Amino acid sequence: MATNRSRRLRKKLCVDEFQELGFELNLEFKEDLSDEAIDAFLDAFLDEAMDANGLDYVGGDDFGLVCKADRGSVTEEQRAAVQAWLKGRSELTKIEVSPLLDAWYPEKPVNPAS
């Protein structure tokens, strides 16, 4: 595959200097939690952890990817804020927050300039 891409194409593909970072979440809920309690948790998560930090969540109720709501990368501060919010919740028994990774191409390494 060609690596000599125009700036326009690099931007369209979200590669090189246009790489966008996000992170993965893996959550485990308490076993005795009702469906209504999980729905209430997810509503609060989307409002208080995602919208409040300018982020979006793609995935299911126990695993997904967090990325920036607009174009661009999630910052380490935003990642830490989401992790802190999750740690303060009693509905969860396990929280795994990945390091920042390429949101479009997770198998590719993070650019040092990102």
PDB file of N, CA and C in Angstrom:
ATOM      1  N   MET A   1       0.848  -1.189   0.000  1.00  0.00           N
ATOM      2  CA  MET A   1       0.000   0.000   0.000  1.00  0.00           C
ATOM      3  C   MET A   1       0.885   1.242   0.000  1.00  0.00           C
ATOM      4  N   ALA A   2       0.483   2.222  -0.731  1.00  0.00           N
ATOM      5  CA  ALA A   2       1.255   3.453  -0.850  1.00  0.00           C
ATOM      6  C   ALA A   2       1.306   4.191   0.481  1.00  0.00           C
ATOM      7  N   THR A   3       2.494   4.677   0.818  1.00  0.00           N
ATOM      8  CA  THR A   3       2.632   5.452   2.047  1.00  0.00           C
ATOM      9  C   THR A   3       2.825   6.932   1.765  1.00  0.00           C
ATOM     10  N   ASN A   4       2.981   7.285   0.501  1.00  0.00           N
ATOM     11  CA  ASN A   4       3.149   8.671   0.109  1.00  0.00           C
ATOM     12  C   ASN A   4       1.771   9.241  -0.228  1.00  0.00           C
ATOM     13  N   ARG A   5       1.029   9.621   0.813  1.00  0.00           N
ATOM     14  CA  ARG A   5      -0.340  10.106   0.640  1.00  0.00           C
ATOM     15  C   ARG A   5      -0.382  11.631   0.746  1.00  0.00           C
ATOM     16  N   SER A   6      -1.331  12.220   0.053  1.00  0.00           N
ATOM     17  CA  SER A   6      -1.522  13.663   0.145  1.00  0.00           C
ATOM     18  C   SER A   6      -2.083  14.021   1.519  1.00  0.00           C
ATOM     19  N   ARG A   7      -1.915  15.268   1.907  1.00  0.00           N
ATOM     20  CA  ARG A   7      -2.446  15.756   3.185  1.00  0.00           C
ATOM     21  C   ARG A   7      -3.953  15.510   3.265  1.00  0.00           C
ATOM     22  N   ARG A   8      -4.655  15.775   2.176  1.00  0.00           N
ATOM     23  CA  ARG A   8      -6.109  15.591   2.131  1.00  0.00           C
ATOM     24  C   ARG A   8      -6.496  14.136   2.391  1.00  0.00           C
ATOM     25  N   LEU A   9      -5.777  13.210   1.784  1.00  0.00           N
ATOM     26  CA  LEU A   9      -6.070  11.793   1.970  1.00  0.00           C
ATOM     27  C   LEU A   9      -5.711  11.339   3.388  1.00  0.00           C
ATOM     28  N   ARG A  10      -4.586  11.832   3.920  1.00  0.00           N
ATOM     29  CA  ARG A  10      -4.217  11.486   5.298  1.00  0.00           C
ATOM     30  C   ARG A  10      -5.290  11.942   6.277  1.00  0.00           C
ATOM     31  N   LYS A  11      -5.838  13.127   6.030  1.00  0.00           N
ATOM     32  CA  LYS A  11      -6.899  13.643   6.902  1.00  0.00           C
ATOM     33  C   LYS A  11      -8.155  12.795   6.773  1.00  0.00           C
ATOM     34  N   LYS A  12      -8.520  12.446   5.553  1.00  0.00           N
ATOM     35  CA  LYS A  12      -9.721  11.642   5.309  1.00  0.00           C
ATOM     36  C   LYS A  12      -9.599  10.263   5.962  1.00  0.00           C
ATOM     37  N   LEU A  13      -8.393   9.690   5.921  1.00  0.00           N
ATOM     38  CA  LEU A  13      -8.156   8.360   6.493  1.00  0.00           C
ATOM     39  C   LEU A  13      -7.831   8.389   7.992  1.00  0.00           C
ATOM     40  N   CYS A  14      -7.682   9.582   8.559  1.00  0.00           N
ATOM     41  CA  CYS A  14      -7.335   9.749   9.980  1.00  0.00           C
ATOM     42  C   CYS A  14      -6.021   9.039  10.314  1.00  0.00           C
ATOM     43  N   VAL A  15      -4.994   9.284   9.501  1.00  0.00           N
ATOM     44  CA  VAL A  15      -3.689   8.672   9.724  1.00  0.00           C
ATOM     45  C   VAL A  15      -2.626   9.753   9.888  1.00  0.00           C
ATOM     46  N   ASP A  16      -1.447   9.309  10.311  1.00  0.00           N
ATOM     47  CA  ASP A  16      -0.286  10.172  10.510  1.00  0.00           C
ATOM     48  C   ASP A  16      -0.623  11.327  11.439  1.00  0.00           C
ATOM     49  N   GLU A  17      -0.470  12.561  11.009  1.00  0.00           N
ATOM     50  CA  GLU A  17      -0.738  13.697  11.903  1.00  0.00           C
ATOM     51  C   GLU A  17      -2.217  13.872  12.220  1.00  0.00           C
ATOM     52  N   PHE A  18      -3.094  13.151  11.533  1.00  0.00           N
ATOM     53  CA  PHE A  18      -4.543  13.242  11.764  1.00  0.00           C
ATOM     54  C   PHE A  18      -5.079  12.042  12.551  1.00  0.00           C
ATOM     55  N   GLN A  19      -4.182  11.268  13.130  1.00  0.00           N
ATOM     56  CA  GLN A  19      -4.576  10.116  13.944  1.00  0.00           C
ATOM     57  C   GLN A  19      -5.468  10.590  15.094  1.00  0.00           C
ATOM     58  N   GLU A  20      -6.539   9.851  15.351  1.00  0.00           N
ATOM     59  CA  GLU A  20      -7.470  10.189  16.428  1.00  0.00           C
ATOM     60  C   GLU A  20      -7.424   9.090  17.490  1.00  0.00           C
ATOM     61  N   LEU A  21      -7.248   9.516  18.737  1.00  0.00           N
ATOM     62  CA  LEU A  21      -7.107   8.565  19.832  1.00  0.00           C
ATOM     63  C   LEU A  21      -8.399   8.412  20.615  1.00  0.00           C
ATOM     64  N   GLY A  22      -8.590   7.219  21.149  1.00  0.00           N
ATOM     65  CA  GLY A  22      -9.703   6.906  22.025  1.00  0.00           C
ATOM     66  C   GLY A  22      -9.239   5.838  22.998  1.00  0.00           C
ATOM     67  N   PHE A  23     -10.174   5.220  23.715  1.00  0.00           N
ATOM     68  CA  PHE A  23      -9.810   4.128  24.608  1.00  0.00           C
ATOM     69  C   PHE A  23     -10.984   3.178  24.770  1.00  0.00           C
ATOM     70  N   GLU A  24     -10.654   1.942  25.127  1.00  0.00           N
ATOM     71  CA  GLU A  24     -11.672   0.918  25.298  1.00  0.00           C
ATOM     72  C   GLU A  24     -12.045   0.783  26.762  1.00  0.00           C
ATOM     73  N   LEU A  25     -13.304   0.414  26.991  1.00  0.00           N
ATOM     74  CA  LEU A  25     -13.813   0.131  28.333  1.00  0.00           C
ATOM     75  C   LEU A  25     -14.308  -1.300  28.381  1.00  0.00           C
ATOM     76  N   ASN A  26     -14.058  -1.964  29.485  1.00  0.00           N
ATOM     77  CA  ASN A  26     -14.601  -3.290  29.738  1.00  0.00           C
ATOM     78  C   ASN A  26     -15.150  -3.255  31.155  1.00  0.00           C
ATOM     79  N   LEU A  27     -16.460  -3.413  31.295  1.00  0.00           N
ATOM     80  CA  LEU A  27     -17.124  -3.273  32.593  1.00  0.00           C
ATOM     81  C   LEU A  27     -17.830  -4.560  32.984  1.00  0.00           C
ATOM     82  N   GLU A  28     -17.867  -4.822  34.284  1.00  0.00           N
ATOM     83  CA  GLU A  28     -18.668  -5.925  34.813  1.00  0.00           C
ATOM     84  C   GLU A  28     -19.595  -5.366  35.867  1.00  0.00           C
ATOM     85  N   PHE A  29     -20.878  -5.687  35.725  1.00  0.00           N
ATOM     86  CA  PHE A  29     -21.894  -5.232  36.666  1.00  0.00           C
ATOM     87  C   PHE A  29     -22.086  -6.260  37.771  1.00  0.00           C
ATOM     88  N   LYS A  30     -22.566  -5.810  38.924  1.00  0.00           N
ATOM     89  CA  LYS A  30     -22.928  -6.729  39.997  1.00  0.00           C
ATOM     90  C   LYS A  30     -23.973  -7.706  39.470  1.00  0.00           C
ATOM     91  N   GLU A  31     -23.892  -8.935  39.902  1.00  0.00           N
ATOM     92  CA  GLU A  31     -24.789  -9.973  39.375  1.00  0.00           C
ATOM     93  C   GLU A  31     -26.252  -9.745  39.710  1.00  0.00           C
ATOM     94  N   ASP A  32     -26.541  -9.170  40.856  1.00  0.00           N
ATOM     95  CA  ASP A  32     -27.935  -8.989  41.276  1.00  0.00           C
ATOM     96  C   ASP A  32     -28.553  -7.682  40.775  1.00  0.00           C
ATOM     97  N   LEU A  33     -27.874  -6.998  39.869  1.00  0.00           N
ATOM     98  CA  LEU A  33     -28.367  -5.714  39.362  1.00  0.00           C
ATOM     99  C   LEU A  33     -29.500  -5.938  38.362  1.00  0.00           C
ATOM    100  N   SER A  34     -30.582  -5.190  38.527  1.00  0.00           N
ATOM    101  CA  SER A  34     -31.732  -5.323  37.623  1.00  0.00           C
ATOM    102  C   SER A  34     -31.458  -4.613  36.300  1.00  0.00           C
ATOM    103  N   ASP A  35     -32.247  -4.952  35.295  1.00  0.00           N
ATOM    104  CA  ASP A  35     -32.122  -4.287  33.993  1.00  0.00           C
ATOM    105  C   ASP A  35     -32.377  -2.791  34.120  1.00  0.00           C
ATOM    106  N   GLU A  36     -33.321  -2.413  34.979  1.00  0.00           N
ATOM    107  CA  GLU A  36     -33.634  -0.988  35.182  1.00  0.00           C
ATOM    108  C   GLU A  36     -32.443  -0.255  35.795  1.00  0.00           C
ATOM    109  N   ALA A  37     -31.745  -0.903  36.727  1.00  0.00           N
ATOM    110  CA  ALA A  37     -30.577  -0.285  37.355  1.00  0.00           C
ATOM    111  C   ALA A  37     -29.441  -0.118  36.340  1.00  0.00           C
ATOM    112  N   ILE A  38     -29.266  -1.104  35.469  1.00  0.00           N
ATOM    113  CA  ILE A  38     -28.237  -0.999  34.423  1.00  0.00           C
ATOM    114  C   ILE A  38     -28.596   0.124  33.460  1.00  0.00           C
ATOM    115  N   ASP A  39     -29.879   0.226  33.071  1.00  0.00           N
ATOM    116  CA  ASP A  39     -30.307   1.319  32.191  1.00  0.00           C
ATOM    117  C   ASP A  39     -30.075   2.677  32.842  1.00  0.00           C
ATOM    118  N   ALA A  40     -30.372   2.793  34.137  1.00  0.00           N
ATOM    119  CA  ALA A  40     -30.153   4.057  34.851  1.00  0.00           C
ATOM    120  C   ALA A  40     -28.661   4.391  34.907  1.00  0.00           C
ATOM    121  N   PHE A  41     -27.830   3.365  35.124  1.00  0.00           N
ATOM    122  CA  PHE A  41     -26.381   3.574  35.122  1.00  0.00           C
ATOM    123  C   PHE A  41     -25.926   4.092  33.762  1.00  0.00           C
ATOM    124  N   LEU A  42     -26.389   3.441  32.693  1.00  0.00           N
ATOM    125  CA  LEU A  42     -25.968   3.842  31.341  1.00  0.00           C
ATOM    126  C   LEU A  42     -26.422   5.258  31.011  1.00  0.00           C
ATOM    127  N   ASP A  43     -27.631   5.638  31.425  1.00  0.00           N
ATOM    128  CA  ASP A  43     -28.096   7.016  31.213  1.00  0.00           C
ATOM    129  C   ASP A  43     -27.184   8.006  31.937  1.00  0.00           C
ATOM    130  N   ALA A  44     -26.857   7.708  33.193  1.00  0.00           N
ATOM    131  CA  ALA A  44     -25.967   8.587  33.957  1.00  0.00           C
ATOM    132  C   ALA A  44     -24.571   8.615  33.333  1.00  0.00           C
ATOM    133  N   PHE A  45     -24.085   7.462  32.883  1.00  0.00           N
ATOM    134  CA  PHE A  45     -22.773   7.377  32.240  1.00  0.00           C
ATOM    135  C   PHE A  45     -22.709   8.266  31.009  1.00  0.00           C
ATOM    136  N   LEU A  46     -23.734   8.186  30.171  1.00  0.00           N
ATOM    137  CA  LEU A  46     -23.736   8.990  28.946  1.00  0.00           C
ATOM    138  C   LEU A  46     -23.832  10.479  29.250  1.00  0.00           C
ATOM    139  N   ASP A  47     -24.632  10.846  30.248  1.00  0.00           N
ATOM    140  CA  ASP A  47     -24.782  12.264  30.596  1.00  0.00           C
ATOM    141  C   ASP A  47     -23.570  12.814  31.349  1.00  0.00           C
ATOM    142  N   GLU A  48     -23.181  12.124  32.416  1.00  0.00           N
ATOM    143  CA  GLU A  48     -22.190  12.660  33.348  1.00  0.00           C
ATOM    144  C   GLU A  48     -20.743  12.384  32.953  1.00  0.00           C
ATOM    145  N   ALA A  49     -20.482  11.256  32.322  1.00  0.00           N
ATOM    146  CA  ALA A  49     -19.099  10.927  31.968  1.00  0.00           C
ATOM    147  C   ALA A  49     -18.786  11.232  30.508  1.00  0.00           C
ATOM    148  N   MET A  50     -19.733  10.975  29.612  1.00  0.00           N
ATOM    149  CA  MET A  50     -19.473  11.190  28.186  1.00  0.00           C
ATOM    150  C   MET A  50     -19.779  12.634  27.769  1.00  0.00           C
ATOM    151  N   ASP A  51     -21.039  13.041  27.833  1.00  0.00           N
ATOM    152  CA  ASP A  51     -21.421  14.385  27.376  1.00  0.00           C
ATOM    153  C   ASP A  51     -20.677  15.482  28.130  1.00  0.00           C
ATOM    154  N   ALA A  52     -20.509  15.313  29.436  1.00  0.00           N
ATOM    155  CA  ALA A  52     -19.844  16.333  30.251  1.00  0.00           C
ATOM    156  C   ALA A  52     -18.375  16.521  29.867  1.00  0.00           C
ATOM    157  N   ASN A  53     -17.773  15.502  29.255  1.00  0.00           N
ATOM    158  CA  ASN A  53     -16.365  15.581  28.856  1.00  0.00           C
ATOM    159  C   ASN A  53     -16.176  15.709  27.346  1.00  0.00           C
ATOM    160  N   GLY A  54     -17.267  15.914  26.603  1.00  0.00           N
ATOM    161  CA  GLY A  54     -17.169  16.065  25.149  1.00  0.00           C
ATOM    162  C   GLY A  54     -16.812  14.776  24.436  1.00  0.00           C
ATOM    163  N   LEU A  55     -17.288  13.635  24.981  1.00  0.00           N
ATOM    164  CA  LEU A  55     -16.938  12.329  24.444  1.00  0.00           C
ATOM    165  C   LEU A  55     -18.171  11.587  23.948  1.00  0.00           C
ATOM    166  N   ASP A  56     -17.938  10.551  23.155  1.00  0.00           N
ATOM    167  CA  ASP A  56     -18.985   9.643  22.680  1.00  0.00           C
ATOM    168  C   ASP A  56     -18.583   8.226  23.031  1.00  0.00           C
ATOM    169  N   TYR A  57     -19.595   7.365  23.169  1.00  0.00           N
ATOM    170  CA  TYR A  57     -19.374   5.959  23.505  1.00  0.00           C
ATOM    171  C   TYR A  57     -20.027   5.103  22.440  1.00  0.00           C
ATOM    172  N   VAL A  58     -19.269   4.139  21.925  1.00  0.00           N
ATOM    173  CA  VAL A  58     -19.775   3.209  20.927  1.00  0.00           C
ATOM    174  C   VAL A  58     -19.570   1.809  21.487  1.00  0.00           C
ATOM    175  N   GLY A  59     -20.661   1.059  21.606  1.00  0.00           N
ATOM    176  CA  GLY A  59     -20.523  -0.300  22.097  1.00  0.00           C
ATOM    177  C   GLY A  59     -21.756  -0.750  22.848  1.00  0.00           C
ATOM    178  N   GLY A  60     -21.579  -1.776  23.642  1.00  0.00           N
ATOM    179  CA  GLY A  60     -22.669  -2.341  24.417  1.00  0.00           C
ATOM    180  C   GLY A  60     -22.642  -1.827  25.843  1.00  0.00           C
ATOM    181  N   ASP A  61     -23.437  -2.481  26.690  1.00  0.00           N
ATOM    182  CA  ASP A  61     -23.491  -2.005  28.071  1.00  0.00           C
ATOM    183  C   ASP A  61     -22.283  -2.453  28.894  1.00  0.00           C
ATOM    184  N   ASP A  62     -21.481  -3.388  28.380  1.00  0.00           N
ATOM    185  CA  ASP A  62     -20.325  -3.840  29.153  1.00  0.00           C
ATOM    186  C   ASP A  62     -18.984  -3.696  28.438  1.00  0.00           C
ATOM    187  N   PHE A  63     -18.974  -3.377  27.163  1.00  0.00           N
ATOM    188  CA  PHE A  63     -17.724  -3.203  26.427  1.00  0.00           C
ATOM    189  C   PHE A  63     -17.937  -2.184  25.316  1.00  0.00           C
ATOM    190  N   GLY A  64     -16.966  -1.291  25.127  1.00  0.00           N
ATOM    191  CA  GLY A  64     -17.092  -0.325  24.048  1.00  0.00           C
ATOM    192  C   GLY A  64     -15.865   0.553  23.915  1.00  0.00           C
ATOM    193  N   LEU A  65     -15.966   1.482  22.997  1.00  0.00           N
ATOM    194  CA  LEU A  65     -14.890   2.417  22.673  1.00  0.00           C
ATOM    195  C   LEU A  65     -15.357   3.828  22.987  1.00  0.00           C
ATOM    196  N   VAL A  66     -14.491   4.579  23.634  1.00  0.00           N
ATOM    197  CA  VAL A  66     -14.755   5.989  23.921  1.00  0.00           C
ATOM    198  C   VAL A  66     -13.904   6.815  22.976  1.00  0.00           C
ATOM    199  N   CYS A  67     -14.547   7.754  22.282  1.00  0.00           N
ATOM    200  CA  CYS A  67     -13.830   8.644  21.374  1.00  0.00           C
ATOM    201  C   CYS A  67     -14.359  10.058  21.573  1.00  0.00           C
ATOM    202  N   LYS A  68     -13.704  11.002  20.951  1.00  0.00           N
ATOM    203  CA  LYS A  68     -14.124  12.395  21.067  1.00  0.00           C
ATOM    204  C   LYS A  68     -15.405  12.618  20.272  1.00  0.00           C
ATOM    205  N   ALA A  69     -16.304  13.439  20.791  1.00  0.00           N
ATOM    206  CA  ALA A  69     -17.571  13.693  20.114  1.00  0.00           C
ATOM    207  C   ALA A  69     -17.343  14.409  18.781  1.00  0.00           C
ATOM    208  N   ASP A  70     -16.392  15.331  18.750  1.00  0.00           N
ATOM    209  CA  ASP A  70     -16.021  16.011  17.510  1.00  0.00           C
ATOM    210  C   ASP A  70     -14.766  15.347  16.974  1.00  0.00           C
ATOM    211  N   ARG A  71     -14.271  15.836  15.858  1.00  0.00           N
ATOM    212  CA  ARG A  71     -12.998  15.308  15.347  1.00  0.00           C
ATOM    213  C   ARG A  71     -11.900  15.593  16.344  1.00  0.00           C
ATOM    214  N   GLY A  72     -10.950  14.698  16.403  1.00  0.00           N
ATOM    215  CA  GLY A  72      -9.814  14.896  17.286  1.00  0.00           C
ATOM    216  C   GLY A  72      -9.621  13.728  18.219  1.00  0.00           C
ATOM    217  N   SER A  73      -8.711  13.902  19.148  1.00  0.00           N
ATOM    218  CA  SER A  73      -8.328  12.827  20.044  1.00  0.00           C
ATOM    219  C   SER A  73      -8.795  13.067  21.465  1.00  0.00           C
ATOM    220  N   VAL A  74      -9.067  11.977  22.144  1.00  0.00           N
ATOM    221  CA  VAL A  74      -9.335  12.011  23.570  1.00  0.00           C
ATOM    222  C   VAL A  74      -8.013  12.328  24.261  1.00  0.00           C
ATOM    223  N   THR A  75      -8.058  13.159  25.288  1.00  0.00           N
ATOM    224  CA  THR A  75      -6.846  13.481  26.038  1.00  0.00           C
ATOM    225  C   THR A  75      -6.697  12.515  27.211  1.00  0.00           C
ATOM    226  N   GLU A  76      -5.507  12.468  27.753  1.00  0.00           N
ATOM    227  CA  GLU A  76      -5.264  11.633  28.934  1.00  0.00           C
ATOM    228  C   GLU A  76      -6.110  12.138  30.115  1.00  0.00           C
ATOM    229  N   GLU A  77      -6.353  13.448  30.182  1.00  0.00           N
ATOM    230  CA  GLU A  77      -7.177  14.008  31.251  1.00  0.00           C
ATOM    231  C   GLU A  77      -8.633  13.542  31.131  1.00  0.00           C
ATOM    232  N   GLN A  78      -9.161  13.508  29.905  1.00  0.00           N
ATOM    233  CA  GLN A  78     -10.518  13.017  29.695  1.00  0.00           C
ATOM    234  C   GLN A  78     -10.618  11.536  30.052  1.00  0.00           C
ATOM    235  N   ARG A  79      -9.619  10.766  29.670  1.00  0.00           N
ATOM    236  CA  ARG A  79      -9.584   9.339  30.003  1.00  0.00           C
ATOM    237  C   ARG A  79      -9.593   9.153  31.521  1.00  0.00           C
ATOM    238  N   ALA A  80      -8.768   9.929  32.228  1.00  0.00           N
ATOM    239  CA  ALA A  80      -8.689   9.838  33.684  1.00  0.00           C
ATOM    240  C   ALA A  80     -10.008  10.259  34.338  1.00  0.00           C
ATOM    241  N   ALA A  81     -10.680  11.265  33.773  1.00  0.00           N
ATOM    242  CA  ALA A  81     -11.962  11.714  34.319  1.00  0.00           C
ATOM    243  C   ALA A  81     -13.024  10.624  34.204  1.00  0.00           C
ATOM    244  N   VAL A  82     -13.068   9.945  33.071  1.00  0.00           N
ATOM    245  CA  VAL A  82     -14.022   8.847  32.882  1.00  0.00           C
ATOM    246  C   VAL A  82     -13.700   7.700  33.832  1.00  0.00           C
ATOM    247  N   GLN A  83     -12.429   7.375  33.964  1.00  0.00           N
ATOM    248  CA  GLN A  83     -12.022   6.297  34.855  1.00  0.00           C
ATOM    249  C   GLN A  83     -12.403   6.625  36.304  1.00  0.00           C
ATOM    250  N   ALA A  84     -12.179   7.857  36.734  1.00  0.00           N
ATOM    251  CA  ALA A  84     -12.539   8.267  38.089  1.00  0.00           C
ATOM    252  C   ALA A  84     -14.050   8.193  38.299  1.00  0.00           C
ATOM    253  N   TRP A  85     -14.823   8.611  37.297  1.00  0.00           N
ATOM    254  CA  TRP A  85     -16.282   8.547  37.407  1.00  0.00           C
ATOM    255  C   TRP A  85     -16.727   7.091  37.576  1.00  0.00           C
ATOM    256  N   LEU A  86     -16.164   6.202  36.769  1.00  0.00           N
ATOM    257  CA  LEU A  86     -16.532   4.787  36.850  1.00  0.00           C
ATOM    258  C   LEU A  86     -16.155   4.182  38.201  1.00  0.00           C
ATOM    259  N   LYS A  87     -14.990   4.544  38.732  1.00  0.00           N
ATOM    260  CA  LYS A  87     -14.553   4.003  40.020  1.00  0.00           C
ATOM    261  C   LYS A  87     -15.465   4.446  41.162  1.00  0.00           C
ATOM    262  N   GLY A  88     -16.168   5.550  40.983  1.00  0.00           N
ATOM    263  CA  GLY A  88     -17.080   6.039  42.011  1.00  0.00           C
ATOM    264  C   GLY A  88     -18.460   5.405  41.964  1.00  0.00           C
ATOM    265  N   ARG A  89     -18.674   4.470  41.074  1.00  0.00           N
ATOM    266  CA  ARG A  89     -19.999   3.848  40.906  1.00  0.00           C
ATOM    267  C   ARG A  89     -20.066   2.498  41.612  1.00  0.00           C
ATOM    268  N   SER A  90     -21.133   2.294  42.347  1.00  0.00           N
ATOM    269  CA  SER A  90     -21.301   1.054  43.115  1.00  0.00           C
ATOM    270  C   SER A  90     -21.881  -0.084  42.283  1.00  0.00           C
ATOM    271  N   GLU A  91     -22.380   0.204  41.077  1.00  0.00           N
ATOM    272  CA  GLU A  91     -22.988  -0.835  40.241  1.00  0.00           C
ATOM    273  C   GLU A  91     -21.967  -1.792  39.628  1.00  0.00           C
ATOM    274  N   LEU A  92     -20.700  -1.393  39.623  1.00  0.00           N
ATOM    275  CA  LEU A  92     -19.667  -2.153  38.916  1.00  0.00           C
ATOM    276  C   LEU A  92     -18.801  -2.968  39.864  1.00  0.00           C
ATOM    277  N   THR A  93     -18.416  -4.148  39.404  1.00  0.00           N
ATOM    278  CA  THR A  93     -17.474  -4.977  40.161  1.00  0.00           C
ATOM    279  C   THR A  93     -16.097  -4.972  39.521  1.00  0.00           C
ATOM    280  N   LYS A  94     -16.015  -4.635  38.241  1.00  0.00           N
ATOM    281  CA  LYS A  94     -14.736  -4.636  37.533  1.00  0.00           C
ATOM    282  C   LYS A  94     -14.748  -3.533  36.481  1.00  0.00           C
ATOM    283  N   ILE A  95     -13.650  -2.793  36.416  1.00  0.00           N
ATOM    284  CA  ILE A  95     -13.494  -1.712  35.439  1.00  0.00           C
ATOM    285  C   ILE A  95     -12.132  -1.869  34.782  1.00  0.00           C
ATOM    286  N   GLU A  96     -12.111  -1.988  33.461  1.00  0.00           N
ATOM    287  CA  GLU A  96     -10.852  -1.996  32.716  1.00  0.00           C
ATOM    288  C   GLU A  96     -10.899  -0.846  31.718  1.00  0.00           C
ATOM    289  N   VAL A  97      -9.940   0.049  31.833  1.00  0.00           N
ATOM    290  CA  VAL A  97      -9.820   1.195  30.934  1.00  0.00           C
ATOM    291  C   VAL A  97      -8.480   1.047  30.215  1.00  0.00           C
ATOM    292  N   SER A  98      -8.533   0.923  28.896  1.00  0.00           N
ATOM    293  CA  SER A  98      -7.294   0.726  28.141  1.00  0.00           C
ATOM    294  C   SER A  98      -6.495   2.021  28.061  1.00  0.00           C
ATOM    295  N   PRO A  99      -5.218   1.919  27.735  1.00  0.00           N
ATOM    296  CA  PRO A  99      -4.458   3.126  27.407  1.00  0.00           C
ATOM    297  C   PRO A  99      -5.044   3.747  26.133  1.00  0.00           C
ATOM    298  N   LEU A 100      -4.667   4.967  25.845  1.00  0.00           N
ATOM    299  CA  LEU A 100      -5.120   5.598  24.609  1.00  0.00           C
ATOM    300  C   LEU A 100      -4.619   4.788  23.422  1.00  0.00           C
ATOM    301  N   LEU A 101      -5.500   4.620  22.435  1.00  0.00           N
ATOM    302  CA  LEU A 101      -5.165   3.863  21.232  1.00  0.00           C
ATOM    303  C   LEU A 101      -5.785   4.535  20.024  1.00  0.00           C
ATOM    304  N   ASP A 102      -5.325   4.139  18.846  1.00  0.00           N
ATOM    305  CA  ASP A 102      -5.847   4.685  17.599  1.00  0.00           C
ATOM    306  C   ASP A 102      -7.309   4.261  17.462  1.00  0.00           C
ATOM    307  N   ALA A 103      -8.211   5.239  17.423  1.00  0.00           N
ATOM    308  CA  ALA A 103      -9.643   4.941  17.396  1.00  0.00           C
ATOM    309  C   ALA A 103     -10.088   4.338  16.070  1.00  0.00           C
ATOM    310  N   TRP A 104      -9.392   4.629  14.996  1.00  0.00           N
ATOM    311  CA  TRP A 104      -9.770   4.112  13.680  1.00  0.00           C
ATOM    312  C   TRP A 104      -9.068   2.807  13.346  1.00  0.00           C
ATOM    313  N   TYR A 105      -7.841   2.682  13.782  1.00  0.00           N
ATOM    314  CA  TYR A 105      -7.020   1.512  13.472  1.00  0.00           C
ATOM    315  C   TYR A 105      -6.358   1.028  14.766  1.00  0.00           C
ATOM    316  N   PRO A 106      -7.106   0.346  15.637  1.00  0.00           N
ATOM    317  CA  PRO A 106      -6.577  -0.018  16.975  1.00  0.00           C
ATOM    318  C   PRO A 106      -5.303  -0.844  16.953  1.00  0.00           C
ATOM    319  N   GLU A 107      -5.033  -1.550  15.866  1.00  0.00           N
ATOM    320  CA  GLU A 107      -3.826  -2.367  15.793  1.00  0.00           C
ATOM    321  C   GLU A 107      -2.579  -1.546  15.523  1.00  0.00           C
ATOM    322  N   LYS A 108      -2.741  -0.295  15.086  1.00  0.00           N
ATOM    323  CA  LYS A 108      -1.586   0.566  14.782  1.00  0.00           C
ATOM    324  C   LYS A 108      -1.103   1.244  16.051  1.00  0.00           C
ATOM    325  N   PRO A 109       0.209   1.480  16.162  1.00  0.00           N
ATOM    326  CA  PRO A 109       0.731   2.171  17.338  1.00  0.00           C
ATOM    327  C   PRO A 109       0.315   3.649  17.345  1.00  0.00           C
ATOM    328  N   VAL A 110       0.330   4.212  18.542  1.00  0.00           N
ATOM    329  CA  VAL A 110       0.001   5.641  18.696  1.00  0.00           C
ATOM    330  C   VAL A 110       1.200   6.453  18.243  1.00  0.00           C
ATOM    331  N   ASN A 111       0.938   7.470  17.410  1.00  0.00           N
ATOM    332  CA  ASN A 111       2.012   8.360  16.958  1.00  0.00           C
ATOM    333  C   ASN A 111       2.561   9.142  18.136  1.00  0.00           C
ATOM    334  N   PRO A 112       3.869   9.323  18.235  1.00  0.00           N
ATOM    335  CA  PRO A 112       4.439  10.077  19.339  1.00  0.00           C
ATOM    336  C   PRO A 112       3.956  11.525  19.382  1.00  0.00           C
ATOM    337  N   ALA A 113       3.605  12.098  18.230  1.00  0.00           N
ATOM    338  CA  ALA A 113       3.180  13.504  18.175  1.00  0.00           C
ATOM    339  C   ALA A 113       1.732  13.679  18.585  1.00  0.00           C
ATOM    340  N   SER A 114       0.961  12.587  18.701  1.00  0.00           N
ATOM    341  CA  SER A 114      -0.470  12.689  19.032  1.00  0.00           C
ATOM    342  C   SER A 114      -0.670  13.017  20.480  1.00  0.00           C
TER     343      SER A 114
END
